[in-house]
N, C-alpha and C. Protein backbone atom coordinates (compact mmCIF):
# COMPACT_ATOMS: atom_id res chain seq x y z
N MET A 1 -154.54 -26.87 -52.68
CA MET A 1 -154.79 -28.24 -52.29
C MET A 1 -156.28 -28.51 -52.36
N HIS A 2 -156.66 -29.67 -52.85
CA HIS A 2 -158.07 -30.04 -52.98
C HIS A 2 -158.41 -31.12 -51.96
N PHE A 3 -159.49 -30.92 -51.24
CA PHE A 3 -159.94 -31.88 -50.24
C PHE A 3 -161.27 -32.46 -50.69
N THR A 4 -161.42 -33.77 -50.56
CA THR A 4 -162.72 -34.36 -50.82
C THR A 4 -163.47 -34.46 -49.50
N LYS A 5 -164.79 -34.46 -49.58
CA LYS A 5 -165.59 -34.58 -48.36
C LYS A 5 -165.29 -35.89 -47.65
N GLN A 6 -165.08 -36.95 -48.41
CA GLN A 6 -164.79 -38.26 -47.80
C GLN A 6 -163.46 -38.20 -47.04
N ALA A 7 -162.45 -37.57 -47.62
CA ALA A 7 -161.15 -37.46 -46.94
C ALA A 7 -161.29 -36.64 -45.67
N LEU A 8 -162.03 -35.54 -45.72
CA LEU A 8 -162.24 -34.71 -44.55
C LEU A 8 -163.03 -35.45 -43.48
N GLU A 9 -164.03 -36.18 -43.90
CA GLU A 9 -164.90 -36.90 -42.96
C GLU A 9 -164.13 -37.94 -42.15
N HIS A 10 -163.14 -38.55 -42.75
CA HIS A 10 -162.41 -39.63 -42.09
C HIS A 10 -161.05 -39.20 -41.54
N ASP A 11 -160.73 -37.93 -41.64
CA ASP A 11 -159.48 -37.42 -41.07
C ASP A 11 -159.55 -37.50 -39.55
N PRO A 12 -158.47 -37.89 -38.87
CA PRO A 12 -158.51 -37.98 -37.41
C PRO A 12 -158.56 -36.61 -36.72
N ALA A 13 -158.22 -35.55 -37.42
CA ALA A 13 -158.27 -34.21 -36.82
C ALA A 13 -159.71 -33.69 -36.83
N VAL A 14 -160.04 -32.88 -35.84
CA VAL A 14 -161.34 -32.21 -35.84
C VAL A 14 -161.29 -31.12 -36.91
N ILE A 15 -162.18 -31.23 -37.88
CA ILE A 15 -162.20 -30.29 -39.00
C ILE A 15 -163.61 -29.72 -39.11
N TYR A 16 -163.68 -28.40 -39.29
CA TYR A 16 -164.97 -27.78 -39.51
C TYR A 16 -164.80 -26.65 -40.51
N ALA A 17 -165.89 -26.29 -41.17
CA ALA A 17 -165.89 -25.23 -42.17
C ALA A 17 -166.87 -24.14 -41.72
N LEU A 18 -166.53 -22.91 -42.09
CA LEU A 18 -167.33 -21.75 -41.72
C LEU A 18 -167.76 -20.98 -42.95
N ASP A 19 -168.92 -20.32 -42.84
CA ASP A 19 -169.31 -19.41 -43.91
C ASP A 19 -168.79 -18.01 -43.59
N GLN A 20 -169.13 -17.03 -44.40
CA GLN A 20 -168.62 -15.66 -44.23
C GLN A 20 -169.06 -15.02 -42.91
N ASP A 21 -170.14 -15.53 -42.33
CA ASP A 21 -170.64 -15.00 -41.06
C ASP A 21 -170.13 -15.80 -39.87
N LEU A 22 -169.13 -16.67 -40.11
CA LEU A 22 -168.49 -17.51 -39.10
C LEU A 22 -169.46 -18.53 -38.49
N ARG A 23 -170.46 -18.91 -39.28
CA ARG A 23 -171.35 -20.00 -38.86
C ARG A 23 -170.77 -21.32 -39.35
N ILE A 24 -170.93 -22.34 -38.54
CA ILE A 24 -170.41 -23.67 -38.88
C ILE A 24 -171.29 -24.29 -39.97
N THR A 25 -170.65 -24.65 -41.08
CA THR A 25 -171.38 -25.27 -42.20
C THR A 25 -171.06 -26.75 -42.35
N TYR A 26 -169.99 -27.21 -41.69
CA TYR A 26 -169.59 -28.61 -41.79
C TYR A 26 -168.71 -28.95 -40.60
N CYS A 27 -168.89 -30.16 -40.08
CA CYS A 27 -168.01 -30.74 -39.06
C CYS A 27 -167.78 -32.19 -39.45
N ASN A 28 -166.56 -32.69 -39.26
CA ASN A 28 -166.30 -34.09 -39.60
C ASN A 28 -166.58 -35.01 -38.41
N GLN A 29 -166.44 -36.31 -38.65
CA GLN A 29 -166.70 -37.32 -37.62
C GLN A 29 -165.84 -37.12 -36.38
N SER A 30 -164.64 -36.60 -36.55
CA SER A 30 -163.75 -36.40 -35.41
C SER A 30 -164.32 -35.38 -34.43
N TRP A 31 -165.13 -34.46 -34.90
CA TRP A 31 -165.81 -33.51 -34.02
C TRP A 31 -166.63 -34.29 -32.99
N ASP A 32 -167.45 -35.24 -33.48
CA ASP A 32 -168.29 -36.03 -32.58
C ASP A 32 -167.46 -36.93 -31.68
N ARG A 33 -166.40 -37.53 -32.21
CA ARG A 33 -165.55 -38.39 -31.38
C ARG A 33 -164.90 -37.58 -30.25
N PHE A 34 -164.42 -36.40 -30.57
CA PHE A 34 -163.80 -35.55 -29.56
C PHE A 34 -164.84 -35.15 -28.50
N ALA A 35 -166.01 -34.75 -28.94
CA ALA A 35 -167.07 -34.35 -28.00
C ALA A 35 -167.43 -35.49 -27.07
N GLU A 36 -167.61 -36.69 -27.62
CA GLU A 36 -167.97 -37.84 -26.81
C GLU A 36 -166.86 -38.20 -25.82
N ALA A 37 -165.63 -38.15 -26.27
CA ALA A 37 -164.50 -38.50 -25.41
C ALA A 37 -164.30 -37.50 -24.26
N ASN A 38 -164.90 -36.32 -24.41
CA ASN A 38 -164.71 -35.28 -23.41
C ASN A 38 -166.00 -34.85 -22.73
N GLY A 39 -166.95 -35.77 -22.68
CA GLY A 39 -168.19 -35.54 -21.94
C GLY A 39 -169.18 -34.61 -22.61
N GLY A 40 -169.04 -34.38 -23.90
CA GLY A 40 -169.95 -33.46 -24.59
C GLY A 40 -170.93 -34.14 -25.51
N ARG A 41 -171.13 -35.41 -25.34
CA ARG A 41 -172.06 -36.14 -26.22
C ARG A 41 -173.44 -35.50 -26.13
N GLY A 42 -174.10 -35.35 -27.22
CA GLY A 42 -175.42 -34.73 -27.25
C GLY A 42 -175.32 -33.24 -27.41
N ALA A 43 -174.93 -32.53 -26.35
CA ALA A 43 -174.87 -31.07 -26.38
C ALA A 43 -173.89 -30.55 -27.42
N LEU A 44 -172.82 -31.29 -27.66
CA LEU A 44 -171.82 -30.85 -28.63
C LEU A 44 -171.86 -31.62 -29.95
N ALA A 45 -172.90 -32.41 -30.15
CA ALA A 45 -173.01 -33.17 -31.40
C ALA A 45 -173.00 -32.22 -32.59
N ARG A 46 -172.36 -32.63 -33.64
CA ARG A 46 -172.19 -31.72 -34.78
C ARG A 46 -173.52 -31.27 -35.37
N GLU A 47 -174.54 -32.13 -35.36
CA GLU A 47 -175.83 -31.71 -35.91
C GLU A 47 -176.38 -30.49 -35.17
N ARG A 48 -176.09 -30.39 -33.89
CA ARG A 48 -176.59 -29.28 -33.08
C ARG A 48 -175.82 -28.00 -33.34
N TRP A 49 -174.60 -28.12 -33.88
CA TRP A 49 -173.78 -26.93 -34.10
C TRP A 49 -173.83 -26.41 -35.52
N LEU A 50 -174.33 -27.19 -36.46
CA LEU A 50 -174.41 -26.69 -37.83
C LEU A 50 -175.32 -25.46 -37.88
N GLY A 51 -174.82 -24.40 -38.48
CA GLY A 51 -175.56 -23.15 -38.58
C GLY A 51 -175.32 -22.19 -37.43
N ARG A 52 -174.66 -22.63 -36.38
CA ARG A 52 -174.39 -21.75 -35.24
C ARG A 52 -173.07 -21.01 -35.44
N GLU A 53 -172.96 -19.86 -34.82
CA GLU A 53 -171.77 -19.04 -34.93
C GLU A 53 -170.66 -19.67 -34.09
N VAL A 54 -169.52 -19.93 -34.70
CA VAL A 54 -168.44 -20.69 -34.07
C VAL A 54 -167.89 -20.02 -32.81
N LEU A 55 -167.85 -18.70 -32.79
CA LEU A 55 -167.28 -18.02 -31.63
C LEU A 55 -168.11 -18.24 -30.36
N SER A 56 -169.38 -18.61 -30.52
CA SER A 56 -170.22 -18.87 -29.35
C SER A 56 -169.81 -20.16 -28.64
N ALA A 57 -168.95 -20.94 -29.26
CA ALA A 57 -168.51 -22.21 -28.67
C ALA A 57 -167.26 -22.06 -27.82
N MET A 58 -166.75 -20.84 -27.70
CA MET A 58 -165.48 -20.68 -26.98
C MET A 58 -165.58 -19.58 -25.93
N PRO A 59 -164.68 -19.65 -24.95
CA PRO A 59 -164.69 -18.61 -23.91
C PRO A 59 -164.43 -17.22 -24.50
N GLU A 60 -165.01 -16.24 -23.87
CA GLU A 60 -164.90 -14.85 -24.32
C GLU A 60 -163.46 -14.41 -24.58
N GLY A 61 -162.53 -14.79 -23.71
CA GLY A 61 -161.15 -14.37 -23.84
C GLY A 61 -160.43 -14.90 -25.07
N LEU A 62 -160.91 -16.01 -25.64
CA LEU A 62 -160.29 -16.58 -26.83
C LEU A 62 -160.89 -16.06 -28.13
N ARG A 63 -162.04 -15.44 -28.04
CA ARG A 63 -162.75 -15.03 -29.26
C ARG A 63 -161.96 -14.08 -30.16
N PRO A 64 -161.26 -13.05 -29.62
CA PRO A 64 -160.51 -12.16 -30.53
C PRO A 64 -159.42 -12.90 -31.32
N PHE A 65 -158.71 -13.81 -30.68
CA PHE A 65 -157.67 -14.58 -31.37
C PHE A 65 -158.27 -15.39 -32.52
N PHE A 66 -159.34 -16.12 -32.24
CA PHE A 66 -159.94 -16.95 -33.28
C PHE A 66 -160.64 -16.10 -34.34
N TYR A 67 -161.27 -15.01 -33.94
CA TYR A 67 -161.91 -14.13 -34.91
C TYR A 67 -160.88 -13.64 -35.94
N ASP A 68 -159.73 -13.18 -35.46
CA ASP A 68 -158.68 -12.71 -36.36
C ASP A 68 -158.20 -13.83 -37.28
N GLY A 69 -157.98 -15.02 -36.73
CA GLY A 69 -157.54 -16.15 -37.54
C GLY A 69 -158.56 -16.54 -38.60
N TYR A 70 -159.82 -16.60 -38.21
CA TYR A 70 -160.87 -16.95 -39.17
C TYR A 70 -160.99 -15.90 -40.27
N ARG A 71 -160.94 -14.63 -39.91
CA ARG A 71 -161.05 -13.56 -40.90
C ARG A 71 -159.88 -13.59 -41.88
N ARG A 72 -158.66 -13.82 -41.38
CA ARG A 72 -157.50 -13.93 -42.28
C ARG A 72 -157.69 -15.10 -43.24
N THR A 73 -158.18 -16.21 -42.73
CA THR A 73 -158.38 -17.39 -43.57
C THR A 73 -159.45 -17.15 -44.62
N LEU A 74 -160.56 -16.55 -44.22
CA LEU A 74 -161.62 -16.27 -45.19
C LEU A 74 -161.15 -15.28 -46.25
N GLY A 75 -160.31 -14.34 -45.86
CA GLY A 75 -159.79 -13.36 -46.82
C GLY A 75 -158.78 -13.94 -47.78
N SER A 76 -157.99 -14.91 -47.33
CA SER A 76 -156.93 -15.46 -48.16
C SER A 76 -157.34 -16.73 -48.90
N GLY A 77 -158.33 -17.44 -48.37
CA GLY A 77 -158.72 -18.71 -48.97
C GLY A 77 -157.82 -19.86 -48.57
N GLU A 78 -156.86 -19.60 -47.71
CA GLU A 78 -155.93 -20.64 -47.25
C GLU A 78 -156.47 -21.29 -45.97
N ALA A 79 -156.25 -22.59 -45.85
CA ALA A 79 -156.66 -23.29 -44.63
C ALA A 79 -155.83 -22.78 -43.46
N TRP A 80 -156.43 -22.80 -42.28
CA TRP A 80 -155.75 -22.38 -41.06
C TRP A 80 -155.80 -23.53 -40.08
N GLU A 81 -154.67 -23.83 -39.49
CA GLU A 81 -154.58 -24.89 -38.50
C GLU A 81 -154.01 -24.29 -37.22
N HIS A 82 -154.64 -24.62 -36.12
CA HIS A 82 -154.16 -24.13 -34.83
C HIS A 82 -154.21 -25.27 -33.84
N CYS A 83 -153.07 -25.64 -33.30
CA CYS A 83 -153.00 -26.71 -32.30
C CYS A 83 -152.85 -26.07 -30.92
N TYR A 84 -153.52 -26.64 -29.95
CA TYR A 84 -153.44 -26.11 -28.59
C TYR A 84 -153.64 -27.24 -27.59
N GLU A 85 -153.17 -27.01 -26.39
CA GLU A 85 -153.36 -28.01 -25.33
C GLU A 85 -154.72 -27.78 -24.69
N CYS A 86 -155.48 -28.85 -24.56
CA CYS A 86 -156.79 -28.77 -23.89
C CYS A 86 -156.95 -30.00 -22.99
N SER A 87 -155.98 -30.17 -22.13
CA SER A 87 -155.93 -31.33 -21.25
C SER A 87 -156.97 -31.23 -20.14
N SER A 88 -157.32 -32.39 -19.61
CA SER A 88 -158.13 -32.46 -18.40
C SER A 88 -157.20 -32.99 -17.30
N PRO A 89 -157.65 -33.03 -16.06
CA PRO A 89 -156.79 -33.60 -15.01
C PRO A 89 -156.41 -35.06 -15.28
N GLU A 90 -157.24 -35.76 -16.05
CA GLU A 90 -157.00 -37.18 -16.30
C GLU A 90 -156.28 -37.46 -17.63
N VAL A 91 -156.43 -36.58 -18.62
CA VAL A 91 -155.95 -36.88 -19.97
C VAL A 91 -155.19 -35.68 -20.54
N TYR A 92 -153.98 -35.94 -21.07
CA TYR A 92 -153.22 -34.91 -21.78
C TYR A 92 -153.68 -34.89 -23.22
N ARG A 93 -154.10 -33.71 -23.70
CA ARG A 93 -154.59 -33.58 -25.09
C ARG A 93 -153.96 -32.37 -25.74
N VAL A 94 -153.62 -32.53 -27.03
CA VAL A 94 -153.17 -31.41 -27.85
C VAL A 94 -154.03 -31.41 -29.09
């Protein structure tokens, strides 16, 4: 499947790309919308995360799961999608 940058940029899902060292090389607009909607405006802005190692953005207990998923994806070249619940007391989110 071929994705254009414009299609990725306007997709409603949070989409990001990683290099071989698991550093974030791209985040779409939905990354910023999600951050702003969840109180992360500024600190979680995509410009601040470009070049940073993605595992540093998650709790220690989740890192092995995501590390394995990212490594499988980088090895196969296939996109990986993982949906999870990340609700707050006020808002149900998946």
